Protein backbone atom coordinates (compact mmCIF):
# COMPACT_ATOMS: atom_id res chain seq x y z
CA UNK A 1 0.01 0.08 0.01
CA UNK A 2 1.36 3.43 -1.10
CA UNK A 3 1.54 6.35 1.53
CA UNK A 4 -1.11 9.13 1.34
CA UNK A 5 0.75 12.21 0.07
CA UNK A 6 -0.67 15.34 1.66
CA UNK A 7 -0.93 18.67 -0.01
CA UNK A 8 1.53 21.41 0.83
CA UNK A 9 0.56 23.54 3.76
CA UNK A 10 -0.99 26.90 2.98
CA UNK A 11 1.38 29.90 3.71
CA UNK A 12 0.17 33.10 4.98
CA UNK A 13 1.24 34.64 1.67
CA UNK A 14 -1.01 32.16 -0.17
CA UNK A 15 -3.71 33.07 2.23
CA UNK A 16 -3.52 36.81 1.37
CA UNK A 17 -3.26 35.82 -2.45
CA UNK A 18 -6.33 33.96 -2.04
CA UNK A 19 -8.10 36.90 -0.40
CA UNK A 20 -7.03 39.08 -3.19
CA UNK A 21 -8.13 36.88 -6.02
CA UNK A 22 -11.38 36.13 -4.25
CA UNK A 23 -12.16 40.02 -3.98
CA UNK A 24 -11.45 40.34 -7.62
CA UNK A 25 -14.26 38.05 -8.43
CA UNK A 26 -12.61 35.62 -10.70
CA UNK A 27 -13.78 32.01 -10.71
CA UNK A 28 -12.54 29.37 -8.26
CA UNK A 29 -11.21 27.48 -11.13
CA UNK A 30 -9.07 30.43 -12.26
CA UNK A 31 -7.88 30.82 -8.69
CA UNK A 32 -6.98 27.29 -8.43
CA UNK A 33 -5.04 27.34 -11.68
CA UNK A 34 -3.02 30.58 -10.76
CA UNK A 35 -2.23 29.21 -7.31
CA UNK A 36 -1.37 25.66 -8.68
CA UNK A 37 -4.01 24.07 -6.26
CA UNK A 38 -7.06 22.05 -6.99
CA UNK A 39 -10.50 23.52 -7.03
CA UNK A 40 -11.49 21.64 -4.05
CA UNK A 41 -8.44 22.94 -2.12
CA UNK A 42 -9.05 26.54 -2.93
CA UNK A 43 -12.98 26.11 -1.88
CA UNK A 44 -11.86 24.53 1.29
CA UNK A 45 -9.46 26.95 2.15
CA UNK A 46 -11.77 29.86 1.41
CA UNK A 47 -14.21 28.32 3.54
CA UNK A 48 -11.94 27.74 6.46
CA UNK A 49 -10.90 31.43 6.28
CA UNK A 50 -14.38 32.63 5.86
CA UNK A 51 -13.62 33.96 2.38
CA UNK A 52 -16.54 34.48 0.00
CA UNK A 53 -15.78 33.13 -3.51
CA UNK A 54 -17.67 33.54 -6.80
CA UNK A 55 -20.35 30.98 -7.27
CA UNK A 56 -19.77 28.73 -10.47
CA UNK A 57 -22.27 29.20 -13.31
CA UNK A 58 -22.55 25.53 -13.49
CA UNK A 59 -23.53 25.33 -9.72
CA UNK A 60 -26.04 28.05 -10.20
CA UNK A 61 -27.59 26.23 -13.17
CA UNK A 62 -27.96 23.19 -11.21
CA UNK A 63 -29.68 24.95 -8.20
CA UNK A 64 -31.87 26.89 -10.56
CA UNK A 65 -33.00 23.72 -12.43
CA UNK A 66 -33.50 21.58 -9.46
CA UNK A 67 -34.38 24.06 -6.65
CA UNK A 68 -31.76 22.35 -4.18
CA UNK A 69 -28.70 24.02 -2.88
């Protein structure tokens, strides 16, 4: 069985960069690409730091179609 490889820890500088990118209104996918992190990692870190990120159009369309959040 191979060991589980953890993602690198977030630095205070990355946290500040995440805040700046989120305030610019770009998509989570674009933030993830710029920060070389996964979309899930960016969403999770933003949630942990109480940073509001843009909602993806796909998620909005799904919610609109199903009525579920």
